PDB file of N, CA and C in Angstrom:
ATOM      1  N   MET A   1      35.021-132.045 192.998  1.00  0.00           N
ATOM      2  CA  MET A   1      34.768-132.513 191.636  1.00  0.00           C
ATOM      3  C   MET A   1      36.077-132.588 190.845  1.00  0.00           C
ATOM      4  N   PRO A   2      36.258-133.678 190.109  1.00  0.00           N
ATOM      5  CA  PRO A   2      37.449-133.749 189.260  1.00  0.00           C
ATOM      6  C   PRO A   2      37.313-132.845 188.035  1.00  0.00           C
ATOM      7  N   LYS A   3      38.437-132.562 187.434  1.00  0.00           N
ATOM      8  CA  LYS A   3      38.418-131.747 186.214  1.00  0.00           C
ATOM      9  C   LYS A   3      37.787-132.527 185.069  1.00  0.00           C
ATOM     10  N   VAL A   4      37.205-131.806 184.123  1.00  0.00           N
ATOM     11  CA  VAL A   4      36.635-132.424 182.930  1.00  0.00           C
ATOM     12  C   VAL A   4      37.728-132.491 181.874  1.00  0.00           C
ATOM     13  N   LYS A   5      37.868-133.634 181.229  1.00  0.00           N
ATOM     14  CA  LYS A   5      38.900-133.787 180.201  1.00  0.00           C
ATOM     15  C   LYS A   5      38.423-133.212 178.873  1.00  0.00           C
ATOM     16  N   THR A   6      39.326-132.509 178.209  1.00  0.00           N
ATOM     17  CA  THR A   6      39.073-131.988 176.882  1.00  0.00           C
ATOM     18  C   THR A   6      39.292-133.092 175.863  1.00  0.00           C
ATOM     19  N   SER A   7      38.393-133.188 174.879  1.00  0.00           N
ATOM     20  CA  SER A   7      38.599-134.117 173.772  1.00  0.00           C
ATOM     21  C   SER A   7      39.716-133.566 172.902  1.00  0.00           C
ATOM     22  N   ARG A   8      40.859-134.248 172.884  1.00  0.00           N
ATOM     23  CA  ARG A   8      42.022-133.748 172.147  1.00  0.00           C
ATOM     24  C   ARG A   8      41.777-133.738 170.644  1.00  0.00           C
ATOM     25  N   ALA A   9      40.997-134.685 170.158  1.00  0.00           N
ATOM     26  CA  ALA A   9      40.676-134.729 168.727  1.00  0.00           C
ATOM     27  C   ALA A   9      39.899-133.483 168.315  1.00  0.00           C
ATOM     28  N   ALA A  10      38.954-133.077 169.163  1.00  0.00           N
ATOM     29  CA  ALA A  10      38.154-131.884 168.864  1.00  0.00           C
ATOM     30  C   ALA A  10      38.972-130.615 169.058  1.00  0.00           C
ATOM     31  N   ALA A  11      39.864-130.601 170.041  1.00  0.00           N
ATOM     32  CA  ALA A  11      40.669-129.411 170.317  1.00  0.00           C
ATOM     33  C   ALA A  11      41.589-129.075 169.147  1.00  0.00           C
ATOM     34  N   LYS A  12      42.019-130.087 168.399  1.00  0.00           N
ATOM     35  CA  LYS A  12      42.875-129.864 167.238  1.00  0.00           C
ATOM     36  C   LYS A  12      42.092-129.326 166.046  1.00  0.00           C
ATOM     37  N   ARG A  13      40.785-129.520 166.041  1.00  0.00           N
ATOM     38  CA  ARG A  13      39.973-129.182 164.876  1.00  0.00           C
ATOM     39  C   ARG A  13      39.177-127.889 165.010  1.00  0.00           C
ATOM     40  N   PHE A  14      39.010-127.388 166.213  1.00  0.00           N
ATOM     41  CA  PHE A  14      38.163-126.213 166.438  1.00  0.00           C
ATOM     42  C   PHE A  14      38.934-125.079 167.092  1.00  0.00           C
ATOM     43  N   LYS A  15      38.574-123.844 166.714  1.00  0.00           N
ATOM     44  CA  LYS A  15      39.095-122.635 167.356  1.00  0.00           C
ATOM     45  C   LYS A  15      37.897-121.814 167.799  1.00  0.00           C
ATOM     46  N   VAL A  16      38.117-120.922 168.745  1.00  0.00           N
ATOM     47  CA  VAL A  16      37.044-120.049 169.206  1.00  0.00           C
ATOM     48  C   VAL A  16      37.279-118.654 168.651  1.00  0.00           C
ATOM     49  N   SER A  17      36.219-118.063 168.089  1.00  0.00           N
ATOM     50  CA  SER A  17      36.328-116.703 167.565  1.00  0.00           C
ATOM     51  C   SER A  17      36.235-115.702 168.714  1.00  0.00           C
ATOM     52  N   GLY A  18      36.393-114.442 168.398  1.00  0.00           N
ATOM     53  CA  GLY A  18      36.318-113.404 169.418  1.00  0.00           C
ATOM     54  C   GLY A  18      34.965-113.315 170.083  1.00  0.00           C
ATOM     55  N   SER A  19      33.900-113.622 169.326  1.00  0.00           N
ATOM     56  CA  SER A  19      32.543-113.577 169.869  1.00  0.00           C
ATOM     57  C   SER A  19      32.154-114.866 170.589  1.00  0.00           C
ATOM     58  N   GLY A  20      33.072-115.853 170.598  1.00  0.00           N
ATOM     59  CA  GLY A  20      32.812-117.096 171.321  1.00  0.00           C
ATOM     60  C   GLY A  20      32.248-118.221 170.475  1.00  0.00           C
ATOM     61  N   LYS A  21      32.134-118.002 169.153  1.00  0.00           N
ATOM     62  CA  LYS A  21      31.626-119.050 168.280  1.00  0.00           C
ATOM     63  C   LYS A  21      32.760-119.981 167.879  1.00  0.00           C
ATOM     64  N   LEU A  22      32.416-121.231 167.575  1.00  0.00           N
ATOM     65  CA  LEU A  22      33.420-122.211 167.174  1.00  0.00           C
ATOM     66  C   LEU A  22      33.659-122.125 165.672  1.00  0.00           C
ATOM     67  N   ILE A  23      34.925-122.161 165.286  1.00  0.00           N
ATOM     68  CA  ILE A  23      35.308-122.094 163.882  1.00  0.00           C
ATOM     69  C   ILE A  23      35.975-123.411 163.510  1.00  0.00           C
ATOM     70  N   ARG A  24      35.634-123.914 162.329  1.00  0.00           N
ATOM     71  CA  ARG A  24      36.199-125.181 161.858  1.00  0.00           C
ATOM     72  C   ARG A  24      36.612-125.047 160.408  1.00  0.00           C
ATOM     73  N   ASN A  25      37.442-126.001 159.956  1.00  0.00           N
ATOM     74  CA  ASN A  25      37.819-126.063 158.554  1.00  0.00           C
ATOM     75  C   ASN A  25      36.799-126.914 157.804  1.00  0.00           C
ATOM     76  N   LYS A  26      36.706-126.689 156.513  1.00  0.00           N
ATOM     77  CA  LYS A  26      35.800-127.485 155.687  1.00  0.00           C
ATOM     78  C   LYS A  26      36.444-128.821 155.341  1.00  0.00           C
ATOM     79  N   ALA A  27      35.605-129.807 155.054  1.00  0.00           N
ATOM     80  CA  ALA A  27      36.070-131.149 154.697  1.00  0.00           C
ATOM     81  C   ALA A  27      36.288-131.255 153.189  1.00  0.00           C
ATOM     82  N   TYR A  28      36.775-132.416 152.740  1.00  0.00           N
ATOM     83  CA  TYR A  28      36.958-132.767 151.321  1.00  0.00           C
ATOM     84  C   TYR A  28      38.067-131.980 150.641  1.00  0.00           C
ATOM     85  N   LYS A  29      39.139-131.646 151.360  1.00  0.00           N
ATOM     86  CA  LYS A  29      40.237-130.890 150.768  1.00  0.00           C
ATOM     87  C   LYS A  29      41.554-131.676 150.842  1.00  0.00           C
ATOM     88  N   SER A  30      41.512-132.955 151.198  1.00  0.00           N
ATOM     89  CA  SER A  30      42.753-133.680 151.426  1.00  0.00           C
ATOM     90  C   SER A  30      43.246-134.475 150.220  1.00  0.00           C
ATOM     91  N   HIS A  31      42.360-135.110 149.463  1.00  0.00           N
ATOM     92  CA  HIS A  31      42.794-135.895 148.310  1.00  0.00           C
ATOM     93  C   HIS A  31      41.694-135.933 147.254  1.00  0.00           C
ATOM     94  N   ILE A  32      42.013-136.536 146.105  1.00  0.00           N
ATOM     95  CA  ILE A  32      41.151-136.553 144.906  1.00  0.00           C
ATOM     96  C   ILE A  32      40.794-135.118 144.518  1.00  0.00           C
ATOM     97  N   LEU A  33      41.840-134.305 144.357  1.00  0.00           N
ATOM     98  CA  LEU A  33      41.636-132.888 144.054  1.00  0.00           C
ATOM     99  C   LEU A  33      41.592-132.596 142.563  1.00  0.00           C
ATOM    100  N   THR A  34      41.949-133.568 141.731  1.00  0.00           N
ATOM    101  CA  THR A  34      42.020-133.312 140.289  1.00  0.00           C
ATOM    102  C   THR A  34      40.642-133.086 139.674  1.00  0.00           C
ATOM    103  N   LYS A  35      39.640-133.777 140.159  1.00  0.00           N
ATOM    104  CA  LYS A  35      38.300-133.624 139.583  1.00  0.00           C
ATOM    105  C   LYS A  35      37.530-132.430 140.163  1.00  0.00           C
ATOM    106  N   LYS A  36      38.041-131.839 141.223  1.00  0.00           N
ATOM    107  CA  LYS A  36      37.368-130.682 141.831  1.00  0.00           C
ATOM    108  C   LYS A  36      37.829-129.404 141.140  1.00  0.00           C
ATOM    109  N   SER A  37      36.904-128.499 140.948  1.00  0.00           N
ATOM    110  CA  SER A  37      37.230-127.257 140.253  1.00  0.00           C
ATOM    111  C   SER A  37      38.084-126.357 141.140  1.00  0.00           C
ATOM    112  N   THR A  38      38.776-125.423 140.503  1.00  0.00           N
ATOM    113  CA  THR A  38      39.633-124.486 141.237  1.00  0.00           C
ATOM    114  C   THR A  38      38.803-123.650 142.194  1.00  0.00           C
ATOM    115  N   LYS A  39      37.627-123.240 141.747  1.00  0.00           N
ATOM    116  CA  LYS A  39      36.728-122.433 142.586  1.00  0.00           C
ATOM    117  C   LYS A  39      36.296-123.211 143.826  1.00  0.00           C
ATOM    118  N   ARG A  40      35.978-124.476 143.631  1.00  0.00           N
ATOM    119  CA  ARG A  40      35.546-125.313 144.748  1.00  0.00           C
ATOM    120  C   ARG A  40      36.671-125.508 145.755  1.00  0.00           C
ATOM    121  N   LYS A  41      37.883-125.760 145.260  1.00  0.00           N
ATOM    122  CA  LYS A  41      39.037-125.951 146.151  1.00  0.00           C
ATOM    123  C   LYS A  41      39.375-124.669 146.898  1.00  0.00           C
ATOM    124  N   ARG A  42      39.236-123.536 146.241  1.00  0.00           N
ATOM    125  CA  ARG A  42      39.491-122.241 146.875  1.00  0.00           C
ATOM    126  C   ARG A  42      38.493-121.997 148.007  1.00  0.00           C
ATOM    127  N   ASN A  43      37.223-122.333 147.793  1.00  0.00           N
ATOM    128  CA  ASN A  43      36.201-122.155 148.826  1.00  0.00           C
ATOM    129  C   ASN A  43      36.378-123.133 149.988  1.00  0.00           C
ATOM    130  N   LEU A  44      36.980-124.288 149.727  1.00  0.00           N
ATOM    131  CA  LEU A  44      37.232-125.259 150.792  1.00  0.00           C
ATOM    132  C   LEU A  44      38.342-124.811 151.729  1.00  0.00           C
ATOM    133  N   ARG A  45      39.179-123.863 151.290  1.00  0.00           N
ATOM    134  CA  ARG A  45      40.254-123.350 152.141  1.00  0.00           C
ATOM    135  C   ARG A  45      39.739-122.494 153.292  1.00  0.00           C
ATOM    136  N   LYS A  46      38.585-121.876 153.108  1.00  0.00           N
ATOM    137  CA  LYS A  46      38.081-120.905 154.083  1.00  0.00           C
ATOM    138  C   LYS A  46      37.552-121.592 155.338  1.00  0.00           C
ATOM    139  N   ASP A  47      37.698-120.913 156.463  1.00  0.00           N
ATOM    140  CA  ASP A  47      37.110-121.384 157.717  1.00  0.00           C
ATOM    141  C   ASP A  47      35.629-121.058 157.721  1.00  0.00           C
ATOM    142  N   ILE A  48      34.885-121.796 158.528  1.00  0.00           N
ATOM    143  CA  ILE A  48      33.442-121.585 158.607  1.00  0.00           C
ATOM    144  C   ILE A  48      33.009-121.694 160.069  1.00  0.00           C
ATOM    145  N   VAL A  49      31.960-120.974 160.426  1.00  0.00           N
ATOM    146  CA  VAL A  49      31.429-121.028 161.797  1.00  0.00           C
ATOM    147  C   VAL A  49      30.615-122.310 161.933  1.00  0.00           C
ATOM    148  N   THR A  50      30.845-123.040 163.008  1.00  0.00           N
ATOM    149  CA  THR A  50      30.124-124.282 163.259  1.00  0.00           C
ATOM    150  C   THR A  50      28.651-123.988 163.492  1.00  0.00           C
ATOM    151  N   ASP A  51      27.803-124.863 163.002  1.00  0.00           N
ATOM    152  CA  ASP A  51      26.355-124.710 163.147  1.00  0.00           C
ATOM    153  C   ASP A  51      25.970-124.699 164.628  1.00  0.00           C
ATOM    154  N   SER A  52      24.956-123.924 164.970  1.00  0.00           N
ATOM    155  CA  SER A  52      24.572-123.759 166.378  1.00  0.00           C
ATOM    156  C   SER A  52      24.125-125.075 167.014  1.00  0.00           C
ATOM    157  N   THR A  53      23.487-125.954 166.235  1.00  0.00           N
ATOM    158  CA  THR A  53      23.049-127.244 166.777  1.00  0.00           C
ATOM    159  C   THR A  53      24.240-128.117 167.145  1.00  0.00           C
ATOM    160  N   ASN A  54      25.326-128.003 166.374  1.00  0.00           N
ATOM    161  CA  ASN A  54      26.539-128.771 166.644  1.00  0.00           C
ATOM    162  C   ASN A  54      27.373-128.147 167.750  1.00  0.00           C
ATOM    163  N   SER A  55      27.380-126.818 167.814  1.00  0.00           N
ATOM    164  CA  SER A  55      28.282-126.143 168.749  1.00  0.00           C
ATOM    165  C   SER A  55      27.894-126.376 170.205  1.00  0.00           C
ATOM    166  N   LYS A  56      26.634-126.653 170.485  1.00  0.00           N
ATOM    167  CA  LYS A  56      26.216-126.953 171.860  1.00  0.00           C
ATOM    168  C   LYS A  56      26.897-128.230 172.358  1.00  0.00           C
ATOM    169  N   VAL A  57      26.968-129.233 171.492  1.00  0.00           N
ATOM    170  CA  VAL A  57      27.627-130.494 171.835  1.00  0.00           C
ATOM    171  C   VAL A  57      29.135-130.284 171.950  1.00  0.00           C
ATOM    172  N   MET A  58      29.687-129.475 171.042  1.00  0.00           N
ATOM    173  CA  MET A  58      31.126-129.242 171.028  1.00  0.00           C
ATOM    174  C   MET A  58      31.589-128.486 172.272  1.00  0.00           C
ATOM    175  N   LYS A  59      30.766-127.600 172.804  1.00  0.00           N
ATOM    176  CA  LYS A  59      31.120-126.865 174.022  1.00  0.00           C
ATOM    177  C   LYS A  59      31.292-127.811 175.208  1.00  0.00           C
ATOM    178  N   LYS A  60      30.536-128.923 175.228  1.00  0.00           N
ATOM    179  CA  LYS A  60      30.694-129.919 176.286  1.00  0.00           C
ATOM    180  C   LYS A  60      31.996-130.691 176.132  1.00  0.00           C
ATOM    181  N   ILE A  61      32.340-130.988 174.878  1.00  0.00           N
ATOM    182  CA  ILE A  61      33.574-131.722 174.596  1.00  0.00           C
ATOM    183  C   ILE A  61      34.798-130.857 174.849  1.00  0.00           C
ATOM    184  N   LEU A  62      34.641-129.547 174.626  1.00  0.00           N
ATOM    185  CA  LEU A  62      35.750-128.593 174.777  1.00  0.00           C
ATOM    186  C   LEU A  62      35.457-127.625 175.921  1.00  0.00           C
ATOM    187  N   PRO A  63      35.535-128.081 177.168  1.00  0.00           N
ATOM    188  CA  PRO A  63      35.124-127.225 178.280  1.00  0.00           C
ATOM    189  C   PRO A  63      36.023-126.025 178.526  1.00  0.00           C
ATOM    190  N   TYR A  64      37.311-126.118 178.177  1.00  0.00           N
ATOM    191  CA  TYR A  64      38.249-125.035 178.496  1.00  0.00           C
ATOM    192  C   TYR A  64      38.691-124.247 177.271  1.00  0.00           C
ATOM    193  N   LEU A  65      38.077-124.497 176.126  1.00  0.00           N
ATOM    194  CA  LEU A  65      38.475-123.814 174.897  1.00  0.00           C
ATOM    195  C   LEU A  65      37.750-122.483 174.761  1.00  0.00           C
TER     196      LEU A  65
END
């Protein structure tokens, strides 16, 4: 069997936690920041655990992560 290729786009966006869950950054933090509140921008900085329904698909895309 040949090796499975890792999706490089996904590999740049996801990390694995110690318990094996996928961690991602939140969206909407790149531009048009003037109308967003300071509290909202601060909360967008934090990492979040990927939803379980999404992480099953991501594990296939990221076989060696």
